[in-house]
């Protein structure tokens, strides 16, 4: 009995030696988690449509979710498209095509807005209000976790 107790105590103490800084970054969040984080931050997310890229690009449609957002200093609801890429390599390959896709749904290219922490790109008609844009960027950067890099930390657009 005492050997078991000593063994359990040794395991417990060994686990206490793990530093939080040694833990890998979390994997990127899915859309329901992102929508929840946005809601907690004061941005309302409604009218979600999976596969709504705003264009017919067959590489982007499977990655896209269209939604309407408002809140904070963004009083008028805006239609936003989020593209959630499988990993950092896919983000690197396809993220630049989002701005071309967006030209089919924005009404004023001069005020087009986007935020793109790997593995996400969010795009929509602007202008977006300052606090809204900054909060959207902060939430997506946090939700991106390791940027879709996996535990090896290679590639992608996140620091």
N, C-alpha and C. Protein backbone atom coordinates (compact mmCIF):
# COMPACT_ATOMS: atom_id res chain seq x y z
N UNK A 1 0.82 -1.20 0.00
CA UNK A 1 0.00 0.00 0.00
C UNK A 1 0.86 1.26 0.00
N UNK A 2 1.93 1.26 0.84
CA UNK A 2 2.77 2.45 0.91
C UNK A 2 3.54 2.67 -0.40
N UNK A 3 3.89 1.57 -1.13
CA UNK A 3 4.57 1.72 -2.41
C UNK A 3 3.65 2.38 -3.44
N UNK A 4 2.39 2.00 -3.40
CA UNK A 4 1.41 2.61 -4.31
C UNK A 4 1.27 4.09 -3.99
N UNK A 5 1.18 4.42 -2.73
CA UNK A 5 1.05 5.80 -2.31
C UNK A 5 2.28 6.61 -2.72
N UNK A 6 3.46 6.06 -2.55
CA UNK A 6 4.69 6.73 -2.93
C UNK A 6 4.73 6.93 -4.45
N UNK A 7 4.30 5.93 -5.20
CA UNK A 7 4.26 6.02 -6.66
C UNK A 7 3.30 7.11 -7.12
N UNK A 8 2.11 7.15 -6.53
CA UNK A 8 1.14 8.19 -6.88
C UNK A 8 1.66 9.58 -6.54
N UNK A 9 2.31 9.70 -5.39
CA UNK A 9 2.88 10.97 -4.98
C UNK A 9 3.97 11.41 -5.95
N UNK A 10 4.80 10.48 -6.41
CA UNK A 10 5.86 10.80 -7.37
C UNK A 10 5.26 11.28 -8.69
N UNK A 11 4.18 10.63 -9.16
CA UNK A 11 3.52 11.05 -10.39
C UNK A 11 2.91 12.44 -10.24
N UNK A 12 2.32 12.69 -9.10
CA UNK A 12 1.71 13.99 -8.84
C UNK A 12 2.77 15.09 -8.87
N UNK A 13 3.88 14.87 -8.21
CA UNK A 13 4.95 15.87 -8.18
C UNK A 13 5.58 16.06 -9.55
N UNK A 14 5.71 15.00 -10.32
CA UNK A 14 6.27 15.11 -11.66
C UNK A 14 5.37 15.97 -12.55
N UNK A 15 4.07 15.81 -12.41
CA UNK A 15 3.11 16.61 -13.19
C UNK A 15 3.16 18.07 -12.81
N UNK A 16 3.51 18.38 -11.59
CA UNK A 16 3.58 19.77 -11.15
C UNK A 16 4.75 20.50 -11.77
N UNK A 17 5.71 19.77 -12.31
CA UNK A 17 6.88 20.39 -12.91
C UNK A 17 6.63 20.91 -14.32
N UNK A 18 5.48 20.62 -14.90
CA UNK A 18 5.18 21.07 -16.26
C UNK A 18 4.87 22.56 -16.24
N UNK A 19 5.60 23.33 -17.05
CA UNK A 19 5.35 24.77 -17.12
C UNK A 19 4.33 25.04 -18.21
N UNK A 20 3.48 26.03 -17.98
CA UNK A 20 2.46 26.40 -18.96
C UNK A 20 3.13 26.82 -20.26
N UNK A 21 4.28 27.47 -20.19
CA UNK A 21 4.97 27.92 -21.40
C UNK A 21 5.46 26.75 -22.25
N UNK A 22 5.54 25.55 -21.66
CA UNK A 22 5.98 24.37 -22.40
C UNK A 22 4.84 23.72 -23.18
N UNK A 23 3.62 24.13 -22.91
CA UNK A 23 2.47 23.53 -23.58
C UNK A 23 2.37 24.06 -25.00
N UNK A 24 1.97 23.22 -25.96
CA UNK A 24 1.82 23.70 -27.34
C UNK A 24 0.65 24.66 -27.46
N UNK A 25 0.71 25.51 -28.47
CA UNK A 25 -0.41 26.43 -28.73
C UNK A 25 -1.63 25.61 -29.13
N UNK A 26 -2.82 26.09 -28.79
CA UNK A 26 -4.02 25.34 -29.16
C UNK A 26 -4.25 25.33 -30.67
N UNK A 27 -4.98 24.33 -31.13
CA UNK A 27 -5.37 24.28 -32.54
C UNK A 27 -6.38 25.39 -32.81
N UNK A 28 -6.52 25.80 -34.07
CA UNK A 28 -7.50 26.84 -34.39
C UNK A 28 -8.93 26.44 -34.02
N UNK A 29 -9.71 27.42 -33.62
CA UNK A 29 -11.10 27.20 -33.22
C UNK A 29 -12.00 27.03 -34.44
N UNK A 30 -13.10 26.31 -34.26
CA UNK A 30 -14.11 26.17 -35.32
C UNK A 30 -15.06 27.37 -35.29
N UNK A 31 -15.96 27.45 -36.27
CA UNK A 31 -16.83 28.62 -36.36
C UNK A 31 -17.76 28.78 -35.15
N UNK A 32 -18.40 27.72 -34.64
CA UNK A 32 -19.25 27.94 -33.46
C UNK A 32 -18.47 28.55 -32.29
N UNK A 33 -17.22 28.14 -32.12
CA UNK A 33 -16.41 28.72 -31.04
C UNK A 33 -16.09 30.18 -31.32
N UNK A 34 -15.77 30.50 -32.58
CA UNK A 34 -15.48 31.88 -32.96
C UNK A 34 -16.72 32.75 -32.73
N UNK A 35 -17.89 32.27 -33.17
CA UNK A 35 -19.13 33.03 -32.98
C UNK A 35 -19.40 33.26 -31.50
N UNK A 36 -19.13 32.27 -30.67
CA UNK A 36 -19.32 32.42 -29.23
C UNK A 36 -18.37 33.47 -28.65
N UNK A 37 -17.11 33.42 -29.07
CA UNK A 37 -16.13 34.41 -28.60
C UNK A 37 -16.53 35.82 -29.04
N UNK A 38 -16.99 35.95 -30.27
CA UNK A 38 -17.45 37.26 -30.75
C UNK A 38 -18.63 37.75 -29.93
N UNK A 39 -19.58 36.87 -29.67
CA UNK A 39 -20.73 37.23 -28.85
C UNK A 39 -20.33 37.69 -27.46
N UNK A 40 -19.38 36.96 -26.85
CA UNK A 40 -18.89 37.34 -25.53
C UNK A 40 -18.22 38.71 -25.54
N UNK A 41 -17.64 39.08 -26.70
CA UNK A 41 -16.95 40.37 -26.83
C UNK A 41 -17.89 41.51 -27.25
N UNK A 42 -19.18 41.19 -27.47
CA UNK A 42 -20.14 42.23 -27.81
C UNK A 42 -20.49 42.33 -29.28
N UNK A 43 -20.06 41.35 -30.09
CA UNK A 43 -20.39 41.35 -31.51
C UNK A 43 -21.43 40.26 -31.76
N UNK A 44 -22.58 40.66 -32.25
CA UNK A 44 -23.67 39.74 -32.53
C UNK A 44 -23.45 39.07 -33.89
N UNK A 45 -23.60 37.75 -33.94
CA UNK A 45 -23.44 36.97 -35.16
C UNK A 45 -24.76 36.30 -35.48
N UNK A 46 -25.32 36.59 -36.66
CA UNK A 46 -26.60 36.02 -37.07
C UNK A 46 -26.52 35.58 -38.54
N UNK A 47 -27.56 34.90 -38.97
CA UNK A 47 -27.73 34.52 -40.39
C UNK A 47 -26.53 33.79 -40.98
N UNK A 48 -26.00 32.80 -40.25
CA UNK A 48 -24.86 32.04 -40.72
C UNK A 48 -25.28 31.11 -41.85
N UNK A 49 -24.48 31.07 -42.92
CA UNK A 49 -24.74 30.18 -44.05
C UNK A 49 -23.43 29.51 -44.44
N UNK A 50 -23.36 28.22 -44.19
CA UNK A 50 -22.17 27.46 -44.56
C UNK A 50 -22.06 27.37 -46.07
N UNK A 51 -20.84 27.51 -46.59
CA UNK A 51 -20.62 27.46 -48.04
C UNK A 51 -20.86 28.78 -48.74
N UNK A 52 -21.16 29.85 -47.99
CA UNK A 52 -21.42 31.16 -48.58
C UNK A 52 -20.11 31.94 -48.68
N UNK A 53 -19.44 31.80 -49.83
CA UNK A 53 -18.18 32.51 -50.07
C UNK A 53 -18.43 33.89 -50.66
N UNK A 54 -19.63 34.12 -51.17
CA UNK A 54 -19.91 35.38 -51.85
C UNK A 54 -19.48 35.36 -53.30
N UNK A 55 -18.86 34.26 -53.72
CA UNK A 55 -18.43 34.08 -55.10
C UNK A 55 -18.52 32.59 -55.43
N UNK A 56 -18.18 32.24 -56.65
CA UNK A 56 -18.31 30.85 -57.07
C UNK A 56 -16.97 30.12 -57.16
N UNK A 57 -15.95 30.63 -56.49
CA UNK A 57 -14.63 30.00 -56.52
C UNK A 57 -14.72 28.63 -55.83
N UNK A 58 -14.55 27.57 -56.60
CA UNK A 58 -14.73 26.21 -56.08
C UNK A 58 -13.69 25.84 -55.02
N UNK A 59 -12.58 26.54 -54.95
CA UNK A 59 -11.60 26.29 -53.89
C UNK A 59 -11.99 26.97 -52.59
N UNK A 60 -12.75 28.06 -52.68
CA UNK A 60 -13.11 28.82 -51.48
C UNK A 60 -14.44 28.42 -50.88
N UNK A 61 -15.40 28.01 -51.71
CA UNK A 61 -16.75 27.69 -51.21
C UNK A 61 -16.73 26.69 -50.05
N UNK A 62 -15.96 25.60 -50.12
CA UNK A 62 -15.99 24.65 -49.00
C UNK A 62 -15.42 25.20 -47.70
N UNK A 63 -14.65 26.28 -47.78
CA UNK A 63 -14.02 26.85 -46.58
C UNK A 63 -14.83 27.99 -45.97
N UNK A 64 -15.91 28.41 -46.65
CA UNK A 64 -16.58 29.67 -46.33
C UNK A 64 -17.83 29.52 -45.47
N UNK A 65 -18.04 30.54 -44.66
CA UNK A 65 -19.29 30.73 -43.92
C UNK A 65 -19.61 32.21 -44.00
N UNK A 66 -20.78 32.54 -44.49
CA UNK A 66 -21.24 33.92 -44.51
C UNK A 66 -22.07 34.18 -43.26
N UNK A 67 -21.95 35.36 -42.70
CA UNK A 67 -22.75 35.72 -41.53
C UNK A 67 -22.92 37.22 -41.46
N UNK A 68 -23.91 37.64 -40.69
CA UNK A 68 -24.15 39.06 -40.47
C UNK A 68 -23.66 39.40 -39.06
N UNK A 69 -22.97 40.51 -38.94
CA UNK A 69 -22.41 40.90 -37.63
C UNK A 69 -22.68 42.38 -37.36
N UNK A 70 -22.85 42.68 -36.09
CA UNK A 70 -22.98 44.06 -35.63
C UNK A 70 -22.64 44.08 -34.15
N UNK A 71 -22.44 45.26 -33.64
CA UNK A 71 -22.15 45.39 -32.21
C UNK A 71 -20.98 46.33 -31.97
N UNK A 72 -20.77 46.62 -30.69
CA UNK A 72 -19.76 47.58 -30.27
C UNK A 72 -20.05 48.91 -30.97
N UNK A 73 -19.12 49.44 -31.74
CA UNK A 73 -19.37 50.70 -32.44
C UNK A 73 -19.85 50.50 -33.88
N UNK A 74 -20.09 49.24 -34.28
CA UNK A 74 -20.61 48.93 -35.62
C UNK A 74 -22.13 48.84 -35.50
N UNK A 75 -22.82 49.96 -35.72
CA UNK A 75 -24.25 50.01 -35.50
C UNK A 75 -25.03 49.33 -36.62
N UNK A 76 -24.61 49.52 -37.86
CA UNK A 76 -25.31 48.90 -38.99
C UNK A 76 -24.77 47.48 -39.19
N UNK A 77 -25.65 46.49 -39.29
CA UNK A 77 -25.18 45.12 -39.53
C UNK A 77 -24.43 45.03 -40.86
N UNK A 78 -23.37 44.22 -40.88
CA UNK A 78 -22.58 44.01 -42.09
C UNK A 78 -22.52 42.52 -42.41
N UNK A 79 -22.52 42.21 -43.70
CA UNK A 79 -22.37 40.83 -44.15
C UNK A 79 -20.88 40.55 -44.27
N UNK A 80 -20.45 39.50 -43.60
CA UNK A 80 -19.05 39.12 -43.55
C UNK A 80 -18.93 37.67 -44.01
N UNK A 81 -17.83 37.37 -44.65
CA UNK A 81 -17.53 36.00 -45.07
C UNK A 81 -16.24 35.58 -44.39
N UNK A 82 -16.28 34.45 -43.68
CA UNK A 82 -15.07 33.91 -43.09
C UNK A 82 -14.67 32.68 -43.87
N UNK A 83 -13.39 32.59 -44.15
CA UNK A 83 -12.82 31.45 -44.86
C UNK A 83 -11.92 30.74 -43.85
N UNK A 84 -12.26 29.52 -43.52
CA UNK A 84 -11.52 28.75 -42.52
C UNK A 84 -10.75 27.67 -43.26
N UNK A 85 -9.46 27.89 -43.40
CA UNK A 85 -8.62 26.95 -44.14
C UNK A 85 -8.14 25.82 -43.24
N UNK A 86 -7.89 24.67 -43.83
CA UNK A 86 -7.55 23.46 -43.09
C UNK A 86 -6.27 23.59 -42.27
N UNK A 87 -5.31 24.33 -42.79
CA UNK A 87 -4.02 24.45 -42.12
C UNK A 87 -3.28 25.65 -42.68
N UNK A 88 -2.10 25.90 -42.14
CA UNK A 88 -1.31 27.06 -42.56
C UNK A 88 -0.89 26.96 -44.02
N UNK A 89 -0.58 25.76 -44.48
CA UNK A 89 -0.17 25.60 -45.88
C UNK A 89 -1.31 25.95 -46.84
N UNK A 90 -2.52 25.53 -46.51
CA UNK A 90 -3.68 25.86 -47.35
C UNK A 90 -3.96 27.36 -47.28
N UNK A 91 -3.84 27.94 -46.10
CA UNK A 91 -4.00 29.40 -45.95
C UNK A 91 -3.00 30.13 -46.83
N UNK A 92 -1.74 29.69 -46.81
CA UNK A 92 -0.71 30.33 -47.63
C UNK A 92 -1.03 30.23 -49.12
N UNK A 93 -1.58 29.10 -49.52
CA UNK A 93 -1.88 28.87 -50.93
C UNK A 93 -3.13 29.62 -51.40
N UNK A 94 -4.17 29.72 -50.55
CA UNK A 94 -5.46 30.23 -51.01
C UNK A 94 -5.89 31.60 -50.47
N UNK A 95 -5.27 32.07 -49.41
CA UNK A 95 -5.77 33.30 -48.79
C UNK A 95 -5.74 34.51 -49.72
N UNK A 96 -4.76 34.57 -50.61
CA UNK A 96 -4.69 35.72 -51.51
C UNK A 96 -5.84 35.74 -52.52
N UNK A 97 -6.51 34.60 -52.74
CA UNK A 97 -7.63 34.57 -53.69
C UNK A 97 -8.92 35.12 -53.09
N UNK A 98 -8.95 35.34 -51.78
CA UNK A 98 -10.15 35.87 -51.13
C UNK A 98 -10.46 37.28 -51.62
N UNK A 99 -9.45 38.13 -51.78
CA UNK A 99 -9.73 39.51 -52.21
C UNK A 99 -10.32 39.53 -53.62
N UNK A 100 -9.88 38.64 -54.49
CA UNK A 100 -10.47 38.54 -55.82
C UNK A 100 -11.93 38.09 -55.73
N UNK A 101 -12.19 37.10 -54.88
CA UNK A 101 -13.56 36.63 -54.65
C UNK A 101 -14.42 37.77 -54.11
N UNK A 102 -13.87 38.55 -53.20
CA UNK A 102 -14.63 39.62 -52.55
C UNK A 102 -15.12 40.67 -53.55
N UNK A 103 -14.42 40.83 -54.63
CA UNK A 103 -14.84 41.84 -55.61
C UNK A 103 -16.19 41.49 -56.22
N UNK A 104 -16.66 40.26 -56.05
CA UNK A 104 -17.99 39.91 -56.55
C UNK A 104 -19.09 40.24 -55.54
N UNK A 105 -18.74 40.55 -54.28
CA UNK A 105 -19.79 40.87 -53.31
C UNK A 105 -19.65 42.24 -52.66
N UNK A 106 -18.52 42.89 -52.79
CA UNK A 106 -18.43 44.25 -52.22
C UNK A 106 -19.00 45.25 -53.22
N UNK A 107 -19.61 46.28 -52.69
CA UNK A 107 -20.20 47.30 -53.55
C UNK A 107 -19.27 48.48 -53.75
N UNK A 108 -18.28 48.65 -52.87
CA UNK A 108 -17.31 49.73 -52.99
C UNK A 108 -15.93 49.17 -52.67
N UNK A 109 -15.14 48.84 -53.68
CA UNK A 109 -13.81 48.26 -53.44
C UNK A 109 -12.90 49.14 -52.59
N UNK A 110 -13.13 50.45 -52.59
CA UNK A 110 -12.30 51.36 -51.80
C UNK A 110 -12.46 51.13 -50.29
N UNK A 111 -13.61 50.60 -49.88
CA UNK A 111 -13.85 50.40 -48.44
C UNK A 111 -13.92 48.92 -48.06
N UNK A 112 -13.42 48.06 -48.93
CA UNK A 112 -13.31 46.63 -48.65
C UNK A 112 -12.47 46.43 -47.40
N UNK A 113 -12.92 45.54 -46.51
CA UNK A 113 -12.19 45.27 -45.27
C UNK A 113 -11.87 43.78 -45.19
N UNK A 114 -10.72 43.46 -44.58
CA UNK A 114 -10.39 42.06 -44.32
C UNK A 114 -9.45 41.96 -43.13
N UNK A 115 -9.50 40.81 -42.49
CA UNK A 115 -8.63 40.45 -41.38
C UNK A 115 -8.18 39.03 -41.69
N UNK A 116 -6.88 38.75 -41.56
CA UNK A 116 -6.43 37.44 -42.05
C UNK A 116 -5.38 36.71 -41.21
N UNK A 117 -5.66 36.47 -39.93
CA UNK A 117 -4.72 35.65 -39.17
C UNK A 117 -4.86 34.18 -39.59
N UNK A 118 -3.77 33.57 -40.01
CA UNK A 118 -3.79 32.16 -40.43
C UNK A 118 -4.38 31.30 -39.32
N UNK A 119 -5.31 30.41 -39.63
CA UNK A 119 -5.78 29.91 -40.92
C UNK A 119 -7.09 30.54 -41.38
N UNK A 120 -7.37 31.77 -40.96
CA UNK A 120 -8.64 32.42 -41.30
C UNK A 120 -8.41 33.62 -42.22
N UNK A 121 -9.43 33.92 -43.01
CA UNK A 121 -9.55 35.22 -43.67
C UNK A 121 -11.01 35.63 -43.49
N UNK A 122 -11.22 36.85 -43.01
CA UNK A 122 -12.55 37.41 -42.87
C UNK A 122 -12.60 38.62 -43.79
N UNK A 123 -13.65 38.70 -44.61
CA UNK A 123 -13.74 39.79 -45.59
C UNK A 123 -15.17 40.28 -45.68
N UNK A 124 -15.31 41.56 -45.98
CA UNK A 124 -16.64 42.12 -46.16
C UNK A 124 -16.58 43.57 -46.58
N UNK A 125 -17.76 44.09 -46.87
CA UNK A 125 -17.88 45.49 -47.25
C UNK A 125 -17.65 46.36 -46.02
N UNK A 126 -16.84 47.35 -46.16
CA UNK A 126 -16.60 48.30 -45.10
C UNK A 126 -17.24 49.63 -45.46
N UNK A 127 -16.90 50.65 -44.74
CA UNK A 127 -15.92 50.61 -43.67
C UNK A 127 -16.50 50.01 -42.39
N UNK A 128 -15.64 49.30 -41.66
CA UNK A 128 -16.02 48.76 -40.36
C UNK A 128 -15.59 49.77 -39.30
N UNK A 129 -16.38 49.88 -38.26
CA UNK A 129 -16.05 50.78 -37.17
C UNK A 129 -14.79 50.29 -36.47
N UNK A 130 -14.04 51.21 -35.90
CA UNK A 130 -12.72 50.92 -35.35
C UNK A 130 -12.73 49.84 -34.27
N UNK A 131 -13.57 49.99 -33.26
CA UNK A 131 -13.58 49.02 -32.16
C UNK A 131 -14.06 47.65 -32.66
N UNK A 132 -15.03 47.64 -33.56
CA UNK A 132 -15.54 46.41 -34.17
C UNK A 132 -14.39 45.69 -34.89
N UNK A 133 -13.67 46.40 -35.77
CA UNK A 133 -12.56 45.81 -36.53
C UNK A 133 -11.47 45.31 -35.60
N UNK A 134 -11.08 46.12 -34.62
CA UNK A 134 -10.01 45.74 -33.70
C UNK A 134 -10.39 44.51 -32.87
N UNK A 135 -11.65 44.46 -32.43
CA UNK A 135 -12.11 43.31 -31.65
C UNK A 135 -12.19 42.06 -32.51
N UNK A 136 -12.69 42.21 -33.73
CA UNK A 136 -12.74 41.09 -34.67
C UNK A 136 -11.33 40.53 -34.89
N UNK A 137 -10.37 41.41 -35.12
CA UNK A 137 -8.98 40.99 -35.32
C UNK A 137 -8.44 40.27 -34.08
N UNK A 138 -8.68 40.83 -32.91
CA UNK A 138 -8.16 40.24 -31.67
C UNK A 138 -8.78 38.87 -31.42
N UNK A 139 -10.09 38.74 -31.61
CA UNK A 139 -10.77 37.46 -31.39
C UNK A 139 -10.25 36.41 -32.38
N UNK A 140 -10.12 36.79 -33.65
CA UNK A 140 -9.65 35.82 -34.66
C UNK A 140 -8.20 35.43 -34.43
N UNK A 141 -7.37 36.36 -34.01
CA UNK A 141 -5.98 36.04 -33.74
C UNK A 141 -5.87 35.07 -32.57
N UNK A 142 -6.66 35.31 -31.53
CA UNK A 142 -6.68 34.40 -30.40
C UNK A 142 -7.24 33.04 -30.80
N UNK A 143 -8.35 33.04 -31.54
CA UNK A 143 -8.98 31.79 -31.97
C UNK A 143 -8.08 30.99 -32.91
N UNK A 144 -7.18 31.67 -33.61
CA UNK A 144 -6.30 30.99 -34.56
C UNK A 144 -5.31 30.06 -33.87
N UNK A 145 -5.09 30.26 -32.58
CA UNK A 145 -4.18 29.37 -31.86
C UNK A 145 -2.83 29.31 -32.52
N UNK A 146 -2.44 28.12 -32.96
CA UNK A 146 -1.13 27.93 -33.59
C UNK A 146 -1.15 28.29 -35.08
N UNK A 147 -2.24 28.88 -35.55
CA UNK A 147 -2.32 29.31 -36.95
C UNK A 147 -2.49 28.18 -37.94
N UNK A 148 -2.84 27.00 -37.44
CA UNK A 148 -2.97 25.85 -38.32
C UNK A 148 -1.65 25.18 -38.62
N UNK A 149 -0.65 25.49 -37.79
CA UNK A 149 0.69 24.95 -37.99
C UNK A 149 0.85 23.55 -37.42
N UNK A 150 -0.05 23.13 -36.52
CA UNK A 150 0.17 21.87 -35.83
C UNK A 150 1.25 22.08 -34.77
N UNK A 151 1.66 21.05 -34.14
CA UNK A 151 2.60 21.18 -33.03
C UNK A 151 4.03 21.48 -33.48
N UNK A 152 4.33 21.38 -34.79
CA UNK A 152 5.71 21.63 -35.21
C UNK A 152 6.02 23.11 -35.40
N UNK A 153 4.99 23.97 -35.43
CA UNK A 153 5.21 25.41 -35.51
C UNK A 153 5.70 25.91 -36.86
N UNK A 154 5.64 25.12 -37.90
CA UNK A 154 6.14 25.55 -39.20
C UNK A 154 5.07 26.20 -40.05
N UNK A 155 5.45 27.23 -40.80
CA UNK A 155 4.56 27.85 -41.78
C UNK A 155 3.48 28.72 -41.19
N UNK A 156 2.65 29.29 -42.05
CA UNK A 156 1.49 30.07 -41.62
C UNK A 156 1.77 31.53 -41.43
N UNK A 157 0.71 32.26 -41.12
CA UNK A 157 0.83 33.70 -41.04
C UNK A 157 0.75 34.27 -39.65
N UNK A 158 0.66 33.47 -38.62
CA UNK A 158 0.59 34.00 -37.27
C UNK A 158 1.96 34.07 -36.64
N UNK A 159 2.17 35.06 -35.81
CA UNK A 159 3.46 35.15 -35.10
C UNK A 159 3.57 34.01 -34.10
